[in-house]
Amino acid sequence: MNEERLRAAGIDYDGALMRFVQKREIYEKYLRKFLDDTHEAEALQAYRAQKLDEMQERVHALKGVSGTLGLIPLYKITAEIVQDLRTGNTQDLERKVARMQEENQKIREAIGGA
């Protein structure tokens, strides 16, 4: 994989690689598997149905995956959304959901092109 392309998308390649005990092949395998991750789609479906508890669960799962893989921009926005949902703050939710989608797409493109 092209590490520079991944880093340019905001992926903390080195930090994540440390979590994978410097096993580059395994880390990159899980990066590729991320392309099949459905948590965002499930979160969006719950959001559209106004099932915010379910949405919170899906976004929380996406936060965990993105944190483990070093997908920092996606991790940060999912952490904000989870915190907002936990406190019942939905005032800025639409904007944050759109940002989550943008970051997810950007990262998927970087992984797919790396």
N, C-alpha and C. Protein backbone atom coordinates (compact mmCIF):
# COMPACT_ATOMS: atom_id res chain seq x y z
N MET A 1 0.84 -1.18 0.00
CA MET A 1 0.00 0.00 0.00
C MET A 1 0.88 1.25 0.00
N ASN A 2 0.36 2.30 -0.57
CA ASN A 2 1.09 3.56 -0.62
C ASN A 2 0.87 4.31 0.69
N GLU A 3 1.85 4.24 1.56
CA GLU A 3 1.74 4.85 2.89
C GLU A 3 1.53 6.35 2.81
N GLU A 4 2.18 7.01 1.88
CA GLU A 4 2.05 8.46 1.77
C GLU A 4 0.63 8.87 1.40
N ARG A 5 0.02 8.12 0.54
CA ARG A 5 -1.37 8.41 0.17
C ARG A 5 -2.28 8.24 1.38
N LEU A 6 -2.03 7.22 2.16
CA LEU A 6 -2.82 6.99 3.36
C LEU A 6 -2.61 8.12 4.37
N ARG A 7 -1.37 8.51 4.57
CA ARG A 7 -1.07 9.61 5.50
C ARG A 7 -1.72 10.91 5.03
N ALA A 8 -1.72 11.16 3.74
CA ALA A 8 -2.31 12.38 3.19
C ALA A 8 -3.82 12.45 3.46
N ALA A 9 -4.45 11.30 3.63
CA ALA A 9 -5.88 11.25 3.94
C ALA A 9 -6.14 11.38 5.44
N GLY A 10 -5.08 11.55 6.23
CA GLY A 10 -5.25 11.72 7.67
C GLY A 10 -5.12 10.44 8.45
N ILE A 11 -4.64 9.39 7.81
CA ILE A 11 -4.49 8.11 8.50
C ILE A 11 -3.16 8.10 9.25
N ASP A 12 -3.23 7.78 10.53
CA ASP A 12 -2.03 7.68 11.36
C ASP A 12 -1.44 6.28 11.16
N TYR A 13 -0.77 6.13 10.04
CA TYR A 13 -0.23 4.83 9.63
C TYR A 13 0.72 4.28 10.69
N ASP A 14 1.64 5.12 11.14
CA ASP A 14 2.66 4.65 12.09
C ASP A 14 2.05 4.29 13.44
N GLY A 15 1.14 5.12 13.92
CA GLY A 15 0.51 4.84 15.21
C GLY A 15 -0.32 3.56 15.17
N ALA A 16 -1.05 3.39 14.09
CA ALA A 16 -1.87 2.19 13.95
C ALA A 16 -0.99 0.96 13.79
N LEU A 17 0.08 1.11 13.04
CA LEU A 17 1.00 -0.01 12.84
C LEU A 17 1.57 -0.47 14.18
N MET A 18 1.80 0.45 15.09
CA MET A 18 2.27 0.06 16.43
C MET A 18 1.21 -0.78 17.14
N ARG A 19 -0.07 -0.43 16.97
CA ARG A 19 -1.14 -1.23 17.60
C ARG A 19 -1.20 -2.62 17.02
N PHE A 20 -0.71 -2.77 15.80
CA PHE A 20 -0.66 -4.08 15.15
C PHE A 20 0.73 -4.71 15.30
N VAL A 21 1.47 -4.28 16.31
CA VAL A 21 2.78 -4.82 16.67
C VAL A 21 3.72 -4.86 15.46
N GLN A 22 3.69 -3.77 14.67
CA GLN A 22 4.56 -3.61 13.50
C GLN A 22 4.33 -4.67 12.42
N LYS A 23 3.19 -5.32 12.45
CA LYS A 23 2.87 -6.35 11.44
C LYS A 23 2.12 -5.66 10.29
N ARG A 24 2.91 -5.13 9.37
CA ARG A 24 2.40 -4.34 8.25
C ARG A 24 1.35 -5.11 7.43
N GLU A 25 1.61 -6.37 7.13
CA GLU A 25 0.68 -7.16 6.32
C GLU A 25 -0.69 -7.28 6.99
N ILE A 26 -0.67 -7.50 8.29
CA ILE A 26 -1.93 -7.65 9.02
C ILE A 26 -2.66 -6.31 9.07
N TYR A 27 -1.93 -5.23 9.37
CA TYR A 27 -2.56 -3.91 9.41
C TYR A 27 -3.19 -3.56 8.06
N GLU A 28 -2.46 -3.77 7.01
CA GLU A 28 -2.97 -3.43 5.68
C GLU A 28 -4.15 -4.33 5.28
N LYS A 29 -4.12 -5.56 5.77
CA LYS A 29 -5.26 -6.46 5.53
C LYS A 29 -6.53 -5.87 6.14
N TYR A 30 -6.41 -5.36 7.37
CA TYR A 30 -7.57 -4.78 8.03
C TYR A 30 -7.97 -3.44 7.43
N LEU A 31 -7.02 -2.70 6.91
CA LEU A 31 -7.37 -1.48 6.17
C LEU A 31 -8.23 -1.84 4.96
N ARG A 32 -7.82 -2.87 4.22
CA ARG A 32 -8.61 -3.30 3.06
C ARG A 32 -9.99 -3.80 3.48
N LYS A 33 -10.05 -4.50 4.61
CA LYS A 33 -11.34 -5.00 5.10
C LYS A 33 -12.27 -3.86 5.49
N PHE A 34 -11.68 -2.72 5.83
CA PHE A 34 -12.49 -1.56 6.19
C PHE A 34 -13.40 -1.15 5.03
N LEU A 35 -12.97 -1.41 3.82
CA LEU A 35 -13.77 -1.05 2.65
C LEU A 35 -15.12 -1.78 2.64
N ASP A 36 -15.22 -2.88 3.36
CA ASP A 36 -16.47 -3.65 3.46
C ASP A 36 -17.28 -3.31 4.71
N ASP A 37 -16.75 -2.42 5.53
CA ASP A 37 -17.42 -2.07 6.79
C ASP A 37 -18.77 -1.40 6.51
N THR A 38 -19.79 -1.82 7.23
CA THR A 38 -21.16 -1.32 7.00
C THR A 38 -21.68 -0.43 8.12
N HIS A 39 -20.86 -0.12 9.11
CA HIS A 39 -21.35 0.66 10.25
C HIS A 39 -21.88 2.04 9.83
N GLU A 40 -21.22 2.69 8.90
CA GLU A 40 -21.69 4.01 8.48
C GLU A 40 -23.06 3.89 7.81
N ALA A 41 -23.21 2.96 6.89
CA ALA A 41 -24.49 2.78 6.20
C ALA A 41 -25.60 2.46 7.19
N GLU A 42 -25.31 1.63 8.18
CA GLU A 42 -26.30 1.28 9.19
C GLU A 42 -26.64 2.50 10.06
N ALA A 43 -25.62 3.30 10.38
CA ALA A 43 -25.85 4.52 11.17
C ALA A 43 -26.73 5.50 10.40
N LEU A 44 -26.47 5.64 9.11
CA LEU A 44 -27.27 6.55 8.29
C LEU A 44 -28.71 6.08 8.18
N GLN A 45 -28.89 4.78 8.05
CA GLN A 45 -30.24 4.23 7.99
C GLN A 45 -30.99 4.52 9.30
N ALA A 46 -30.32 4.34 10.41
CA ALA A 46 -30.94 4.62 11.71
C ALA A 46 -31.22 6.12 11.86
N TYR A 47 -30.30 6.95 11.39
CA TYR A 47 -30.49 8.40 11.45
C TYR A 47 -31.72 8.82 10.67
N ARG A 48 -31.85 8.31 9.47
CA ARG A 48 -33.00 8.66 8.62
C ARG A 48 -34.32 8.20 9.24
N ALA A 49 -34.27 7.10 9.98
CA ALA A 49 -35.46 6.58 10.65
C ALA A 49 -35.66 7.22 12.03
N GLN A 50 -34.75 8.15 12.39
CA GLN A 50 -34.78 8.82 13.69
C GLN A 50 -34.68 7.83 14.86
N LYS A 51 -33.94 6.75 14.64
CA LYS A 51 -33.65 5.79 15.70
C LYS A 51 -32.27 6.14 16.26
N LEU A 52 -32.24 7.17 17.10
CA LEU A 52 -30.96 7.72 17.53
C LEU A 52 -30.18 6.80 18.45
N ASP A 53 -30.85 5.96 19.22
CA ASP A 53 -30.13 4.99 20.06
C ASP A 53 -29.37 3.99 19.18
N GLU A 54 -30.06 3.52 18.14
CA GLU A 54 -29.42 2.59 17.21
C GLU A 54 -28.29 3.28 16.45
N MET A 55 -28.53 4.51 16.07
CA MET A 55 -27.50 5.27 15.38
C MET A 55 -26.26 5.40 16.26
N GLN A 56 -26.48 5.71 17.52
CA GLN A 56 -25.36 5.85 18.45
C GLN A 56 -24.53 4.57 18.52
N GLU A 57 -25.20 3.43 18.56
CA GLU A 57 -24.49 2.15 18.61
C GLU A 57 -23.62 1.95 17.38
N ARG A 58 -24.18 2.26 16.21
CA ARG A 58 -23.44 2.05 14.95
C ARG A 58 -22.28 3.03 14.82
N VAL A 59 -22.51 4.28 15.19
CA VAL A 59 -21.44 5.27 15.12
C VAL A 59 -20.35 4.93 16.14
N HIS A 60 -20.76 4.45 17.29
CA HIS A 60 -19.78 4.05 18.30
C HIS A 60 -18.89 2.91 17.78
N ALA A 61 -19.51 1.96 17.10
CA ALA A 61 -18.73 0.86 16.52
C ALA A 61 -17.78 1.39 15.45
N LEU A 62 -18.24 2.31 14.62
CA LEU A 62 -17.39 2.91 13.59
C LEU A 62 -16.25 3.69 14.23
N LYS A 63 -16.53 4.35 15.33
CA LYS A 63 -15.49 5.07 16.07
C LYS A 63 -14.40 4.10 16.53
N GLY A 64 -14.81 2.96 17.05
CA GLY A 64 -13.83 1.97 17.52
C GLY A 64 -12.97 1.44 16.40
N VAL A 65 -13.58 1.11 15.29
CA VAL A 65 -12.83 0.61 14.13
C VAL A 65 -11.88 1.68 13.62
N SER A 66 -12.39 2.89 13.48
CA SER A 66 -11.55 3.96 12.92
C SER A 66 -10.41 4.31 13.87
N GLY A 67 -10.65 4.26 15.16
CA GLY A 67 -9.58 4.51 16.11
C GLY A 67 -8.50 3.45 16.06
N THR A 68 -8.90 2.21 16.00
CA THR A 68 -7.94 1.11 15.93
C THR A 68 -7.09 1.19 14.67
N LEU A 69 -7.72 1.55 13.55
CA LEU A 69 -7.01 1.58 12.27
C LEU A 69 -6.28 2.91 12.03
N GLY A 70 -6.42 3.86 12.94
CA GLY A 70 -5.73 5.13 12.79
C GLY A 70 -6.37 6.07 11.78
N LEU A 71 -7.65 5.92 11.56
CA LEU A 71 -8.38 6.76 10.61
C LEU A 71 -8.82 8.02 11.36
N ILE A 72 -7.88 8.87 11.65
CA ILE A 72 -8.05 9.97 12.60
C ILE A 72 -9.20 10.92 12.27
N PRO A 73 -9.32 11.43 11.04
CA PRO A 73 -10.44 12.35 10.79
C PRO A 73 -11.80 11.70 11.03
N LEU A 74 -11.93 10.45 10.65
CA LEU A 74 -13.18 9.74 10.85
C LEU A 74 -13.40 9.46 12.34
N TYR A 75 -12.34 9.10 13.03
CA TYR A 75 -12.43 8.86 14.47
C TYR A 75 -12.92 10.11 15.20
N LYS A 76 -12.34 11.25 14.85
CA LYS A 76 -12.70 12.49 15.55
C LYS A 76 -14.16 12.86 15.36
N ILE A 77 -14.67 12.78 14.15
CA ILE A 77 -16.06 13.16 13.93
C ILE A 77 -17.01 12.14 14.53
N THR A 78 -16.67 10.87 14.49
CA THR A 78 -17.55 9.87 15.11
C THR A 78 -17.56 10.05 16.63
N ALA A 79 -16.42 10.42 17.21
CA ALA A 79 -16.37 10.67 18.66
C ALA A 79 -17.28 11.85 19.02
N GLU A 80 -17.28 12.88 18.20
CA GLU A 80 -18.17 14.03 18.44
C GLU A 80 -19.64 13.62 18.36
N ILE A 81 -19.97 12.83 17.35
CA ILE A 81 -21.37 12.41 17.18
C ILE A 81 -21.81 11.54 18.35
N VAL A 82 -20.97 10.60 18.76
CA VAL A 82 -21.32 9.73 19.89
C VAL A 82 -21.54 10.57 21.14
N GLN A 83 -20.66 11.51 21.40
CA GLN A 83 -20.80 12.37 22.58
C GLN A 83 -22.10 13.17 22.52
N ASP A 84 -22.39 13.74 21.35
CA ASP A 84 -23.63 14.50 21.20
C ASP A 84 -24.86 13.62 21.43
N LEU A 85 -24.85 12.43 20.87
CA LEU A 85 -26.00 11.54 21.04
C LEU A 85 -26.15 11.11 22.50
N ARG A 86 -25.05 10.90 23.16
CA ARG A 86 -25.11 10.49 24.58
C ARG A 86 -25.73 11.60 25.44
N THR A 87 -25.46 12.85 25.08
CA THR A 87 -25.96 13.96 25.88
C THR A 87 -27.28 14.51 25.35
N GLY A 88 -27.78 13.93 24.25
CA GLY A 88 -29.05 14.38 23.69
C GLY A 88 -28.93 15.66 22.86
N ASN A 89 -27.73 16.04 22.51
CA ASN A 89 -27.51 17.25 21.72
C ASN A 89 -27.58 16.91 20.24
N THR A 90 -28.70 17.21 19.62
CA THR A 90 -28.87 16.91 18.20
C THR A 90 -28.87 18.17 17.34
N GLN A 91 -28.53 19.29 17.94
CA GLN A 91 -28.59 20.57 17.26
C GLN A 91 -27.74 20.62 15.99
N ASP A 92 -26.57 20.07 16.02
CA ASP A 92 -25.63 20.14 14.90
C ASP A 92 -25.45 18.78 14.22
N LEU A 93 -26.36 17.87 14.49
CA LEU A 93 -26.20 16.48 14.05
C LEU A 93 -26.16 16.34 12.53
N GLU A 94 -27.00 17.04 11.84
CA GLU A 94 -27.04 16.91 10.38
C GLU A 94 -25.69 17.28 9.75
N ARG A 95 -25.10 18.36 10.20
CA ARG A 95 -23.80 18.79 9.68
C ARG A 95 -22.71 17.77 10.00
N LYS A 96 -22.76 17.24 11.20
CA LYS A 96 -21.74 16.27 11.61
C LYS A 96 -21.89 14.95 10.87
N VAL A 97 -23.12 14.55 10.61
CA VAL A 97 -23.35 13.33 9.84
C VAL A 97 -22.80 13.51 8.43
N ALA A 98 -23.02 14.67 7.84
CA ALA A 98 -22.48 14.94 6.50
C ALA A 98 -20.96 14.91 6.52
N ARG A 99 -20.36 15.45 7.57
CA ARG A 99 -18.89 15.42 7.69
C ARG A 99 -18.39 14.00 7.87
N MET A 100 -19.12 13.18 8.62
CA MET A 100 -18.74 11.78 8.80
C MET A 100 -18.72 11.08 7.44
N GLN A 101 -19.75 11.33 6.63
CA GLN A 101 -19.82 10.72 5.31
C GLN A 101 -18.64 11.17 4.44
N GLU A 102 -18.33 12.45 4.48
CA GLU A 102 -17.21 12.98 3.69
C GLU A 102 -15.88 12.35 4.10
N GLU A 103 -15.64 12.29 5.40
CA GLU A 103 -14.38 11.71 5.89
C GLU A 103 -14.30 10.23 5.56
N ASN A 104 -15.40 9.53 5.71
CA ASN A 104 -15.43 8.11 5.41
C ASN A 104 -15.11 7.88 3.93
N GLN A 105 -15.73 8.67 3.07
CA GLN A 105 -15.49 8.53 1.63
C GLN A 105 -14.04 8.84 1.28
N LYS A 106 -13.51 9.89 1.85
CA LYS A 106 -12.11 10.28 1.59
C LYS A 106 -11.15 9.16 2.00
N ILE A 107 -11.39 8.58 3.14
CA ILE A 107 -10.53 7.51 3.64
C ILE A 107 -10.68 6.26 2.79
N ARG A 108 -11.90 5.93 2.41
CA ARG A 108 -12.12 4.76 1.54
C ARG A 108 -11.41 4.93 0.20
N GLU A 109 -11.46 6.14 -0.35
CA GLU A 109 -10.78 6.39 -1.62
C GLU A 109 -9.26 6.24 -1.46
N ALA A 110 -8.74 6.73 -0.34
CA ALA A 110 -7.30 6.61 -0.10
C ALA A 110 -6.88 5.15 0.05
N ILE A 111 -7.66 4.39 0.80
CA ILE A 111 -7.34 2.96 0.98
C ILE A 111 -7.47 2.22 -0.34
N GLY A 112 -8.55 2.49 -1.05
CA GLY A 112 -8.77 1.81 -2.34
C GLY A 112 -7.72 2.15 -3.36
N GLY A 113 -7.17 3.35 -3.30
CA GLY A 113 -6.15 3.76 -4.26
C GLY A 113 -4.73 3.52 -3.81
N ALA A 114 -4.59 3.04 -2.57
CA ALA A 114 -3.23 2.83 -2.05
C ALA A 114 -2.75 1.51 -2.50
